[in-house]
C-alpha atoms as a PDB file:
ATOM      1  CA  MET A   1       0.038  -0.207  -0.170  1.00  0.00           C
ATOM      2  CA  LYS A   2       2.538   2.347   0.982  1.00  0.00           C
ATOM      3  CA  GLN A   3       4.656   1.561  -2.467  1.00  0.00           C
ATOM      4  CA  LYS A   4       1.250   2.648  -4.391  1.00  0.00           C
ATOM      5  CA  VAL A   5       1.293   5.667  -2.718  1.00  0.00           C
ATOM      6  CA  GLN A   6       4.446   6.509  -3.451  1.00  0.00           C
ATOM      7  CA  GLN A   7       4.372   5.744  -6.972  1.00  0.00           C
ATOM      8  CA  ALA A   8       1.187   7.849  -7.213  1.00  0.00           C
ATOM      9  CA  VAL A   9       3.004  10.832  -5.211  1.00  0.00           C
ATOM     10  CA  SER A  10       6.148  10.668  -7.149  1.00  0.00           C
ATOM     11  CA  PRO A  11       5.386  12.191 -10.384  1.00  0.00           C
ATOM     12  CA  ILE A  12       3.714  15.208  -8.776  1.00  0.00           C
ATOM     13  CA  PHE A  13       7.103  15.747  -6.912  1.00  0.00           C
ATOM     14  CA  LEU A  14       9.272  15.364  -9.781  1.00  0.00           C
ATOM     15  CA  ARG A  15       6.417  17.845 -11.789  1.00  0.00           C
ATOM     16  CA  ILE A  16       6.920  20.367  -8.932  1.00  0.00           C
ATOM     17  CA  GLU A  17      10.662  19.954  -8.969  1.00  0.00           C
ATOM     18  CA  GLN A  18      11.092  21.150 -12.689  1.00  0.00           C
ATOM     19  CA  LEU A  19       8.692  24.405 -12.084  1.00  0.00           C
ATOM     20  CA  ASP A  20      10.579  27.801 -12.361  1.00  0.00           C
ATOM     21  CA  GLU A  21      11.268  30.106  -9.312  1.00  0.00           C
ATOM     22  CA  ALA A  22       8.420  31.924 -10.107  1.00  0.00           C
ATOM     23  CA  LYS A  23       5.398  29.090 -10.418  1.00  0.00           C
ATOM     24  CA  TYR A  24       6.863  27.370  -7.643  1.00  0.00           C
ATOM     25  CA  GLY A  25       6.693  30.809  -5.499  1.00  0.00           C
ATOM     26  CA  PHE A  26       3.334  30.988  -6.433  1.00  0.00           C
ATOM     27  CA  LEU A  27       2.799  27.533  -5.335  1.00  0.00           C
ATOM     28  CA  LEU A  28       4.096  27.947  -2.115  1.00  0.00           C
ATOM     29  CA  VAL A  29       1.671  30.728  -0.974  1.00  0.00           C
ATOM     30  CA  SER A  30      -1.855  29.450  -2.936  1.00  0.00           C
ATOM     31  CA  PRO A  31      -2.796  27.768   0.065  1.00  0.00           C
ATOM     32  CA  VAL A  32      -2.472  31.181   1.910  1.00  0.00           C
ATOM     33  CA  PHE A  33      -4.279  33.251  -1.446  1.00  0.00           C
ATOM     34  CA  LEU A  34      -6.723  30.391  -1.215  1.00  0.00           C
ATOM     35  CA  VAL A  35      -8.007  30.758   2.814  1.00  0.00           C
ATOM     36  CA  LEU A  36      -7.626  34.875   2.247  1.00  0.00           C
ATOM     37  CA  SER A  37      -9.690  34.421  -0.789  1.00  0.00           C
ATOM     38  CA  VAL A  38     -12.634  32.453   1.015  1.00  0.00           C
ATOM     39  CA  LEU A  39     -12.333  35.414   3.747  1.00  0.00           C
ATOM     40  CA  ALA A  40     -12.670  37.855   1.799  1.00  0.00           C
ATOM     41  CA  PHE A  41     -15.372  36.921  -0.997  1.00  0.00           C
ATOM     42  CA  TYR A  42     -17.889  35.130   1.054  1.00  0.00           C
ATOM     43  CA  PRO A  43     -19.031  38.406   2.905  1.00  0.00           C
ATOM     44  CA  LEU A  44     -18.677  40.396  -0.734  1.00  0.00           C
ATOM     45  CA  VAL A  45     -20.919  37.499  -1.563  1.00  0.00           C
ATOM     46  CA  LYS A  46     -23.131  37.400   1.730  1.00  0.00           C
ATOM     47  CA  THR A  47     -23.579  41.323   1.367  1.00  0.00           C
ATOM     48  CA  LEU A  48     -24.111  41.672  -2.883  1.00  0.00           C
ATOM     49  CA  TYR A  49     -27.076  39.351  -1.381  1.00  0.00           C
ATOM     50  CA  PHE A  50     -28.558  41.448   1.316  1.00  0.00           C
ATOM     51  CA  SER A  51     -28.005  44.550  -0.989  1.00  0.00           C
ATOM     52  CA  LEU A  52     -30.545  42.485  -3.394  1.00  0.00           C
ATOM     53  CA  GLN A  53     -33.537  42.141  -1.198  1.00  0.00           C
ATOM     54  CA  ASP A  54     -35.867  44.490   0.155  1.00  0.00           C
ATOM     55  CA  ASP A  55     -35.534  46.012   4.164  1.00  0.00           C
ATOM     56  CA  ASP A  56     -37.964  44.814   6.077  1.00  0.00           C
ATOM     57  CA  LEU A  57     -38.531  46.690   9.068  1.00  0.00           C
ATOM     58  CA  THR A  58     -41.620  45.129  10.383  1.00  0.00           C
ATOM     59  CA  GLY A  59     -40.929  41.898  10.350  1.00  0.00           C
ATOM     60  CA  THR A  60     -38.678  39.180  12.333  1.00  0.00           C
ATOM     61  CA  HIS A  61     -36.163  38.996   9.841  1.00  0.00           C
ATOM     62  CA  PRO A  62     -33.609  41.682   9.402  1.00  0.00           C
ATOM     63  CA  ILE A  63     -34.235  41.819   4.962  1.00  0.00           C
ATOM     64  CA  GLY A  64     -37.550  41.498   3.121  1.00  0.00           C
ATOM     65  CA  GLU A  65     -38.112  39.964  -0.797  1.00  0.00           C
ATOM     66  CA  PHE A  66     -35.604  40.094  -3.402  1.00  0.00           C
ATOM     67  CA  VAL A  67     -36.348  43.515  -5.181  1.00  0.00           C
ATOM     68  CA  GLY A  68     -32.958  43.080  -7.661  1.00  0.00           C
ATOM     69  CA  LEU A  69     -31.326  46.161  -8.171  1.00  0.00           C
ATOM     70  CA  GLU A  70     -33.559  48.602  -6.756  1.00  0.00           C
ATOM     71  CA  ASN A  71     -31.542  49.620  -3.740  1.00  0.00           C
ATOM     72  CA  TYR A  72     -28.918  50.006  -6.055  1.00  0.00           C
ATOM     73  CA  VAL A  73     -31.091  52.373  -8.537  1.00  0.00           C
ATOM     74  CA  GLN A  74     -32.855  54.517  -5.595  1.00  0.00           C
ATOM     75  CA  ILE A  75     -29.344  54.941  -3.925  1.00  0.00           C
ATOM     76  CA  LEU A  76     -27.498  56.473  -6.968  1.00  0.00           C
ATOM     77  CA  SER A  77     -30.732  58.552  -8.222  1.00  0.00           C
ATOM     78  CA  GLY A  78     -31.232  60.426  -5.335  1.00  0.00           C
ATOM     79  CA  ASP A  79     -34.409  58.838  -4.033  1.00  0.00           C
ATOM     80  CA  ALA A  80     -32.928  57.109  -1.447  1.00  0.00           C
ATOM     81  CA  ASN A  81     -31.867  60.875   0.424  1.00  0.00           C
ATOM     82  CA  ALA A  82     -35.002  60.693   2.495  1.00  0.00           C
ATOM     83  CA  ILE A  83     -34.809  57.682   4.004  1.00  0.00           C
ATOM     84  CA  LEU A  84     -30.779  57.967   4.695  1.00  0.00           C
ATOM     85  CA  SER A  85     -28.731  60.127   7.351  1.00  0.00           C
ATOM     86  CA  SER A  86     -27.101  61.805   4.998  1.00  0.00           C
ATOM     87  CA  PRO A  87     -27.136  62.064   0.602  1.00  0.00           C
ATOM     88  CA  PHE A  88     -25.219  59.616  -0.719  1.00  0.00           C
ATOM     89  CA  PHE A  89     -24.579  61.865  -3.563  1.00  0.00           C
ATOM     90  CA  ASP A  90     -25.617  65.710  -4.175  1.00  0.00           C
ATOM     91  CA  LEU A  91     -23.504  68.121  -5.924  1.00  0.00           C
ATOM     92  CA  GLN A  92     -25.836  70.722  -4.492  1.00  0.00           C
ATOM     93  CA  ALA A  93     -24.526  70.267  -1.179  1.00  0.00           C
ATOM     94  CA  PRO A  94     -21.104  68.555  -1.687  1.00  0.00           C
ATOM     95  CA  PHE A  95     -20.025  68.258   2.278  1.00  0.00           C
ATOM     96  CA  SER A  96     -23.005  66.690   3.377  1.00  0.00           C
ATOM     97  CA  SER A  97     -22.354  64.225   0.113  1.00  0.00           C
ATOM     98  CA  ALA A  98     -21.152  61.149   1.623  1.00  0.00           C
ATOM     99  CA  LEU A  99     -19.453  60.112  -1.647  1.00  0.00           C
ATOM    100  CA  ILE A 100     -18.073  63.186  -2.458  1.00  0.00           C
ATOM    101  CA  VAL A 101     -16.651  63.521   1.441  1.00  0.00           C
ATOM    102  CA  THR A 102     -14.718  60.704   1.392  1.00  0.00           C
ATOM    103  CA  LEU A 103     -13.365  61.194  -2.741  1.00  0.00           C
ATOM    104  CA  LEU A 104     -12.214  64.148  -1.304  1.00  0.00           C
ATOM    105  CA  ILE A 105     -10.788  62.966   1.991  1.00  0.00           C
ATOM    106  CA  THR A 106      -8.720  59.864   0.311  1.00  0.00           C
ATOM    107  CA  VAL A 107      -7.575  62.798  -2.716  1.00  0.00           C
ATOM    108  CA  VAL A 108      -6.422  65.113  -0.065  1.00  0.00           C
ATOM    109  CA  SER A 109      -5.040  63.171   2.397  1.00  0.00           C
ATOM    110  CA  VAL A 110      -3.201  60.379  -0.032  1.00  0.00           C
ATOM    111  CA  ALA A 111      -1.250  63.477  -1.914  1.00  0.00           C
ATOM    112  CA  ILE A 112      -0.407  65.399   0.979  1.00  0.00           C
ATOM    113  CA  GLY A 113       0.066  62.424   2.725  1.00  0.00           C
ATOM    114  CA  THR A 114       2.541  60.678   0.566  1.00  0.00           C
ATOM    115  CA  VAL A 115       4.496  63.575  -0.684  1.00  0.00           C
ATOM    116  CA  MET A 116       4.967  64.372   3.392  1.00  0.00           C
ATOM    117  CA  GLY A 117       5.863  60.834   3.773  1.00  0.00           C
ATOM    118  CA  LEU A 118       8.226  60.508   0.794  1.00  0.00           C
ATOM    119  CA  GLY A 119      10.076  63.862   2.189  1.00  0.00           C
ATOM    120  CA  MET A 120      10.163  62.005   5.737  1.00  0.00           C
ATOM    121  CA  ALA A 121      11.316  59.012   4.452  1.00  0.00           C
ATOM    122  CA  ILE A 122      14.201  60.897   2.748  1.00  0.00           C
ATOM    123  CA  ILE A 123      15.411  62.652   5.799  1.00  0.00           C
ATOM    124  CA  LEU A 124      15.455  59.619   8.053  1.00  0.00           C
ATOM    125  CA  ASN A 125      17.413  57.608   5.451  1.00  0.00           C
ATOM    126  CA  LYS A 126      20.093  60.320   6.276  1.00  0.00           C
ATOM    127  CA  GLU A 127      22.788  59.857   8.918  1.00  0.00           C
ATOM    128  CA  PHE A 128      22.587  61.920  11.504  1.00  0.00           C
ATOM    129  CA  LYS A 129      22.354  62.352  15.540  1.00  0.00           C
ATOM    130  CA  GLY A 130      19.382  60.730  17.271  1.00  0.00           C
ATOM    131  CA  ARG A 131      18.634  59.279  14.185  1.00  0.00           C
ATOM    132  CA  ARG A 132      17.007  56.322  15.694  1.00  0.00           C
ATOM    133  CA  TYR A 133      15.082  58.065  18.374  1.00  0.00           C
ATOM    134  CA  ALA A 134      13.528  60.344  15.545  1.00  0.00           C
ATOM    135  CA  ARG A 135      12.259  57.449  13.940  1.00  0.00           C
ATOM    136  CA  THR A 136      10.936  56.066  17.021  1.00  0.00           C
ATOM    137  CA  ILE A 137       8.914  59.608  17.207  1.00  0.00           C
ATOM    138  CA  VAL A 138       7.614  59.485  13.802  1.00  0.00           C
ATOM    139  CA  ILE A 139       6.111  56.073  14.130  1.00  0.00           C
ATOM    140  CA  LEU A 140       4.072  57.603  17.407  1.00  0.00           C
ATOM    141  CA  PRO A 141       1.338  59.061  15.518  1.00  0.00           C
ATOM    142  CA  TRP A 142       0.673  55.501  13.610  1.00  0.00           C
ATOM    143  CA  SER A 143       0.711  53.918  17.246  1.00  0.00           C
ATOM    144  CA  ILE A 144      -1.814  55.689  18.954  1.00  0.00           C
ATOM    145  CA  PRO A 145      -5.432  54.107  18.971  1.00  0.00           C
ATOM    146  CA  ILE A 146      -7.646  56.107  16.404  1.00  0.00           C
ATOM    147  CA  VAL A 147      -9.976  56.661  19.381  1.00  0.00           C
ATOM    148  CA  ILE A 148      -7.789  58.530  21.105  1.00  0.00           C
ATOM    149  CA  GLN A 149      -6.371  60.489  18.193  1.00  0.00           C
ATOM    150  CA  GLY A 150      -9.838  61.496  17.369  1.00  0.00           C
ATOM    151  CA  MET A 151     -10.489  62.522  20.901  1.00  0.00           C
ATOM    152  CA  MET A 152      -6.899  64.601  20.682  1.00  0.00           C
ATOM    153  CA  PHE A 153      -8.044  66.260  17.349  1.00  0.00           C
ATOM    154  CA  PHE A 154     -11.855  66.893  19.361  1.00  0.00           C
ATOM    155  CA  LEU A 155     -10.306  68.560  22.362  1.00  0.00           C
ATOM    156  CA  LEU A 156      -7.775  70.527  20.160  1.00  0.00           C
ATOM    157  CA  PHE A 157     -10.644  72.056  18.244  1.00  0.00           C
ATOM    158  CA  GLN A 158     -13.013  72.470  20.879  1.00  0.00           C
ATOM    159  CA  PRO A 159     -13.531  76.522  21.530  1.00  0.00           C
ATOM    160  CA  SER A 160     -13.809  76.428  25.229  1.00  0.00           C
ATOM    161  CA  LEU A 161     -10.934  74.299  25.570  1.00  0.00           C
ATOM    162  CA  SER A 162      -8.361  74.965  22.362  1.00  0.00           C
ATOM    163  CA  PRO A 163      -6.521  78.512  22.727  1.00  0.00           C
ATOM    164  CA  PHE A 164      -6.194  77.319  18.595  1.00  0.00           C
ATOM    165  CA  VAL A 165      -9.883  78.293  17.572  1.00  0.00           C
ATOM    166  CA  GLU A 166     -10.460  82.114  18.055  1.00  0.00           C
ATOM    167  CA  PRO A 167      -6.385  82.880  16.682  1.00  0.00           C
ATOM    168  CA  LEU A 168      -7.996  80.751  13.558  1.00  0.00           C
ATOM    169  CA  ALA A 169     -11.334  82.573  13.382  1.00  0.00           C
ATOM    170  CA  ASN A 170     -10.221  85.193  13.594  1.00  0.00           C
ATOM    171  CA  LEU A 171      -7.886  84.651  10.393  1.00  0.00           C
ATOM    172  CA  GLY A 172     -10.671  83.136   8.635  1.00  0.00           C
ATOM    173  CA  VAL A 173      -9.334  79.585   8.756  1.00  0.00           C
ATOM    174  CA  PHE A 174     -12.327  77.979  10.571  1.00  0.00           C
ATOM    175  CA  SER A 175     -15.734  78.986  12.228  1.00  0.00           C
ATOM    176  CA  ASP A 176     -16.148  79.657  15.492  1.00  0.00           C
ATOM    177  CA  ASN A 177     -17.211  76.279  16.683  1.00  0.00           C
ATOM    178  CA  PRO A 178     -15.098  73.944  13.523  1.00  0.00           C
ATOM    179  CA  LEU A 179     -16.209  70.871  14.666  1.00  0.00           C
ATOM    180  CA  ILE A 180     -20.167  71.744  13.839  1.00  0.00           C
ATOM    181  CA  ASN A 181     -19.463  73.200  10.612  1.00  0.00           C
ATOM    182  CA  SER A 182     -19.501  70.149   7.874  1.00  0.00           C
ATOM    183  CA  GLN A 183     -16.513  72.101   5.322  1.00  0.00           C
ATOM    184  CA  ASP A 184     -14.015  72.757   8.604  1.00  0.00           C
ATOM    185  CA  SER A 185     -14.941  69.493  10.690  1.00  0.00           C
ATOM    186  CA  THR A 186     -13.755  67.586   6.539  1.00  0.00           C
ATOM    187  CA  ILE A 187     -10.618  69.763   6.814  1.00  0.00           C
ATOM    188  CA  ILE A 188     -10.009  68.305  10.311  1.00  0.00           C
ATOM    189  CA  VAL A 189     -10.413  64.977   9.531  1.00  0.00           C
ATOM    190  CA  ILE A 190      -8.292  65.397   6.642  1.00  0.00           C
ATOM    191  CA  LEU A 191      -5.697  66.508   9.072  1.00  0.00           C
ATOM    192  CA  ILE A 192      -5.947  64.067  11.191  1.00  0.00           C
ATOM    193  CA  ASP A 193      -5.660  61.247   8.486  1.00  0.00           C
ATOM    194  CA  ILE A 194      -2.498  62.710   7.006  1.00  0.00           C
ATOM    195  CA  TRP A 195      -1.035  63.281  10.714  1.00  0.00           C
ATOM    196  CA  ARG A 196      -2.003  59.480  11.657  1.00  0.00           C
ATOM    197  CA  LYS A 197      -0.713  57.819   7.656  1.00  0.00           C
ATOM    198  CA  ILE A 198       2.318  60.011   7.523  1.00  0.00           C
ATOM    199  CA  PRO A 199       4.341  57.370   9.390  1.00  0.00           C
ATOM    200  CA  PHE A 200       3.143  54.446   7.941  1.00  0.00           C
ATOM    201  CA  ILE A 201       3.430  55.674   4.035  1.00  0.00           C
ATOM    202  CA  ALA A 202       7.138  56.966   5.572  1.00  0.00           C
ATOM    203  CA  LEU A 203       8.007  53.127   6.765  1.00  0.00           C
ATOM    204  CA  ILE A 204       7.323  52.041   3.442  1.00  0.00           C
ATOM    205  CA  ILE A 205       9.217  53.808   1.146  1.00  0.00           C
ATOM    206  CA  MET A 206      11.962  53.899   3.867  1.00  0.00           C
ATOM    207  CA  ALA A 207      12.393  50.353   3.281  1.00  0.00           C
ATOM    208  CA  GLY A 208      12.370  50.736  -0.113  1.00  0.00           C
ATOM    209  CA  ILE A 209      15.319  52.871  -0.031  1.00  0.00           C
ATOM    210  CA  ALA A 210      16.976  50.846   2.273  1.00  0.00           C
ATOM    211  CA  SER A 211      16.497  47.953  -0.698  1.00  0.00           C
ATOM    212  CA  ILE A 212      18.995  50.623  -3.205  1.00  0.00           C
ATOM    213  CA  ASP A 213      22.352  49.980  -3.914  1.00  0.00           C
ATOM    214  CA  ARG A 214      24.104  52.500  -2.842  1.00  0.00           C
ATOM    215  CA  ASN A 215      26.874  52.319  -5.917  1.00  0.00           C
ATOM    216  CA  LEU A 216      24.210  53.652  -7.921  1.00  0.00           C
ATOM    217  CA  TYR A 217      25.018  57.061  -6.081  1.00  0.00           C
ATOM    218  CA  ASP A 218      28.464  56.884  -6.142  1.00  0.00           C
ATOM    219  CA  VAL A 219      28.484  56.124  -9.551  1.00  0.00           C
ATOM    220  CA  ALA A 220      25.735  59.090  -9.953  1.00  0.00           C
ATOM    221  CA  GLU A 221      28.826  61.532  -8.076  1.00  0.00           C
ATOM    222  CA  VAL A 222      31.189  60.934  -9.522  1.00  0.00           C
ATOM    223  CA  ALA A 223      29.167  61.600 -13.572  1.00  0.00           C
ATOM    224  CA  GLY A 224      28.389  64.543 -11.519  1.00  0.00           C
ATOM    225  CA  ALA A 225      24.896  64.106 -11.232  1.00  0.00           C
ATOM    226  CA  THR A 226      23.011  66.738  -8.762  1.00  0.00           C
ATOM    227  CA  LYS A 227      20.639  65.534  -5.842  1.00  0.00           C
ATOM    228  CA  TRP A 228      17.821  66.126  -7.754  1.00  0.00           C
ATOM    229  CA  GLN A 229      19.028  64.380 -10.750  1.00  0.00           C
ATOM    230  CA  GLN A 230      19.781  61.486  -8.327  1.00  0.00           C
ATOM    231  CA  PHE A 231      16.709  61.364  -7.078  1.00  0.00           C
ATOM    232  CA  ARG A 232      14.119  61.218 -10.301  1.00  0.00           C
ATOM    233  CA  MET A 233      16.702  59.075 -11.705  1.00  0.00           C
ATOM    234  CA  ILE A 234      17.398  56.712  -8.807  1.00  0.00           C
ATOM    235  CA  THR A 235      15.675  57.278  -6.109  1.00  0.00           C
ATOM    236  CA  LEU A 236      12.173  57.208  -7.799  1.00  0.00           C
ATOM    237  CA  PRO A 237      12.153  54.564 -10.315  1.00  0.00           C
ATOM    238  CA  GLN A 238      13.565  52.003  -7.657  1.00  0.00           C
ATOM    239  CA  ILE A 239      10.861  52.920  -4.993  1.00  0.00           C
ATOM    240  CA  LYS A 240       8.020  53.002  -6.992  1.00  0.00           C
ATOM    241  CA  PRO A 241       7.085  49.564  -6.485  1.00  0.00           C
ATOM    242  CA  VAL A 242       6.660  49.828  -2.857  1.00  0.00           C
ATOM    243  CA  LEU A 243       5.347  53.661  -2.915  1.00  0.00           C
ATOM    244  CA  PHE A 244       2.744  51.956  -5.492  1.00  0.00           C
ATOM    245  CA  ILE A 245       1.952  49.611  -2.891  1.00  0.00           C
ATOM    246  CA  GLY A 246       2.089  51.990   0.292  1.00  0.00           C
ATOM    247  CA  MET A 247      -0.754  54.386  -1.838  1.00  0.00           C
ATOM    248  CA  ILE A 248      -3.135  51.404  -2.680  1.00  0.00           C
ATOM    249  CA  PHE A 249      -3.014  50.933   0.985  1.00  0.00           C
ATOM    250  CA  TYR A 250      -3.430  54.595   2.291  1.00  0.00           C
ATOM    251  CA  THR A 251      -5.888  54.965  -0.226  1.00  0.00           C
ATOM    252  CA  ILE A 252      -8.332  51.590   0.750  1.00  0.00           C
ATOM    253  CA  SER A 253      -7.887  53.017   4.443  1.00  0.00           C
ATOM    254  CA  SER A 254      -8.869  56.536   3.609  1.00  0.00           C
ATOM    255  CA  MET A 255     -11.686  54.910   1.591  1.00  0.00           C
ATOM    256  CA  LYS A 256     -12.984  53.425   4.656  1.00  0.00           C
ATOM    257  CA  ILE A 257     -12.586  56.137   7.345  1.00  0.00           C
ATOM    258  CA  TYR A 258     -14.975  55.964  10.010  1.00  0.00           C
ATOM    259  CA  GLY A 259     -13.167  55.941  13.393  1.00  0.00           C
ATOM    260  CA  ILE A 260     -11.472  59.250  13.735  1.00  0.00           C
ATOM    261  CA  VAL A 261     -14.391  60.631  12.083  1.00  0.00           C
ATOM    262  CA  GLU A 262     -16.479  59.963  14.811  1.00  0.00           C
ATOM    263  CA  ALA A 263     -14.587  60.656  17.811  1.00  0.00           C
ATOM    264  CA  SER A 264     -13.822  63.824  16.299  1.00  0.00           C
ATOM    265  CA  ALA A 265     -16.493  65.905  14.701  1.00  0.00           C
ATOM    266  CA  GLY A 266     -18.980  62.673  14.388  1.00  0.00           C
ATOM    267  CA  CYS A 267     -20.600  61.700  11.131  1.00  0.00           C
ATOM    268  CA  SER A 268     -23.834  63.609  11.465  1.00  0.00           C
ATOM    269  CA  THR A 269     -21.417  66.177  10.522  1.00  0.00           C
ATOM    270  CA  VAL A 270     -18.449  64.549   8.389  1.00  0.00           C
ATOM    271  CA  PRO A 271     -20.975  62.065   6.280  1.00  0.00           C
ATOM    272  CA  THR A 272     -18.488  59.620   4.667  1.00  0.00           C
ATOM    273  CA  LEU A 273     -19.582  56.313   3.364  1.00  0.00           C
ATOM    274  CA  THR A 274     -18.686  53.994   5.943  1.00  0.00           C
ATOM    275  CA  CYS A 275     -20.621  56.528   8.222  1.00  0.00           C
ATOM    276  CA  LEU A 276     -23.547  56.278   5.952  1.00  0.00           C
ATOM    277  CA  VAL A 277     -23.638  52.249   5.875  1.00  0.00           C
ATOM    278  CA  VAL A 278     -23.184  52.444   9.826  1.00  0.00           C
ATOM    279  CA  GLN A 279     -25.922  54.561  10.474  1.00  0.00           C
ATOM    280  CA  THR A 280     -28.070  53.207   8.200  1.00  0.00           C
ATOM    281  CA  PHE A 281     -27.374  49.367   9.134  1.00  0.00           C
ATOM    282  CA  ARG A 282     -28.296  51.229  12.968  1.00  0.00           C
ATOM    283  CA  GLN A 283     -31.906  52.104  11.253  1.00  0.00           C
ATOM    284  CA  GLN A 284     -32.484  48.255  10.526  1.00  0.00           C
ATOM    285  CA  ARG A 285     -32.726  49.292   6.731  1.00  0.00           C
ATOM    286  CA  TRP A 286     -29.783  46.357   6.286  1.00  0.00           C
ATOM    287  CA  ALA A 287     -30.668  45.621   2.665  1.00  0.00           C
ATOM    288  CA  THR A 288     -30.307  49.674   1.596  1.00  0.00           C
ATOM    289  CA  ALA A 289     -26.629  49.371   4.116  1.00  0.00           C
ATOM    290  CA  SER A 290     -25.463  46.102   2.420  1.00  0.00           C
ATOM    291  CA  ALA A 291     -25.880  47.837  -1.003  1.00  0.00           C
ATOM    292  CA  ILE A 292     -24.186  51.310   0.302  1.00  0.00           C
ATOM    293  CA  ALA A 293     -21.400  48.963   1.099  1.00  0.00           C
ATOM    294  CA  PHE A 294     -21.488  47.052  -2.029  1.00  0.00           C
ATOM    295  CA  ILE A 295     -20.900  49.970  -3.862  1.00  0.00           C
ATOM    296  CA  THR A 296     -18.103  51.163  -1.641  1.00  0.00           C
ATOM    297  CA  ALA A 297     -16.534  48.331  -2.448  1.00  0.00           C
ATOM    298  CA  VAL A 298     -16.912  48.582  -6.267  1.00  0.00           C
ATOM    299  CA  VAL A 299     -15.517  52.344  -5.872  1.00  0.00           C
ATOM    300  CA  ILE A 300     -12.350  51.130  -4.229  1.00  0.00           C
ATOM    301  CA  ALA A 301     -11.694  48.103  -6.615  1.00  0.00           C
ATOM    302  CA  VAL A 302     -12.012  50.942  -9.370  1.00  0.00           C
ATOM    303  CA  ILE A 303      -9.541  53.598  -7.879  1.00  0.00           C
ATOM    304  CA  ILE A 304      -7.412  50.217  -7.589  1.00  0.00           C
ATOM    305  CA  MET A 305      -7.548  49.524 -11.302  1.00  0.00           C
ATOM    306  CA  VAL A 306      -6.588  53.052 -12.203  1.00  0.00           C
ATOM    307  CA  TYR A 307      -3.508  53.124 -10.136  1.00  0.00           C
ATOM    308  CA  ILE A 308      -2.755  49.473 -11.265  1.00  0.00           C
ATOM    309  CA  VAL A 309      -3.123  50.774 -15.352  1.00  0.00           C
ATOM    310  CA  ARG A 310      -1.233  53.891 -14.494  1.00  0.00           C
ATOM    311  CA  PHE A 311       1.592  52.271 -12.441  1.00  0.00           C
ATOM    312  CA  ARG A 312       1.969  50.038 -15.520  1.00  0.00           C
ATOM    313  CA  GLU A 313       2.405  52.901 -18.222  1.00  0.00           C
ATOM    314  CA  ALA A 314       4.330  54.295 -16.092  1.00  0.00           C
ATOM    315  CA  ASP A 315       6.429  51.394 -15.574  1.00  0.00           C
ATOM    316  CA  ALA A 316       6.458  50.917 -19.781  1.00  0.00           C
ATOM    317  CA  SER A 317       7.542  54.341 -20.208  1.00  0.00           C
END
């Protein structure tokens, strides 16, 4: 019996040994990919299933009968705004629109945070006294729990407690009470998100910079290249893959922003997509909340596809 098993298994192992490095590596990580796919796709499929049902507000079951794409039509057309805590999309009131506010926070935060994180990574990669302590301090904002971060900025912009609100109001930067103003609160949430994510993107970029062969810079200096030319021709192309990955994770995190919003200005003032999902779910409208959640997932997927296309175009040029 044992011999028969060995005879049956031997061709499989022989075929595995003949695989090239790329295929062999993919084979090794395929079980992990399989488990992650099941864990990721099952909730997504379940959410899609719920989103195709009707809200059941009176029965014992959280969802009603099958209605197809009716929930999506009502959400995207604006007909569902009457039952939602805030509009899903409304150009007439952009700072009350969940989709617009979320995209605004994501675009501004990712753009500014990535540039600042890149600058921080380059500075921390230099040799200077106290670099170890500087790197430790930089990580602190990322290590603080989200709720505490939100409360810190809530107190920082509380008119009765903070010394900064009145001077900023006199300069016309914010209103007298920025935490109850949607536009001011959105800016505050962007500041919190940038402050929180800079260490994350900086650490990823630092790892990319550390992997660059130092001989490339020595050759560039001998050739008379300036620091800017070294950055543009050596550093940036070499860190582009890790920068791309970091921006994807940064974007996904910002598109799902919820904790710092709820802990600082509140979802009623800064209505992000995740806030809208949570508040709709609390209203026992499970089907509508599932539809909003699935639309959010589709928007994130589209953004990631844009990243991938742009990265391939830049890599090919």
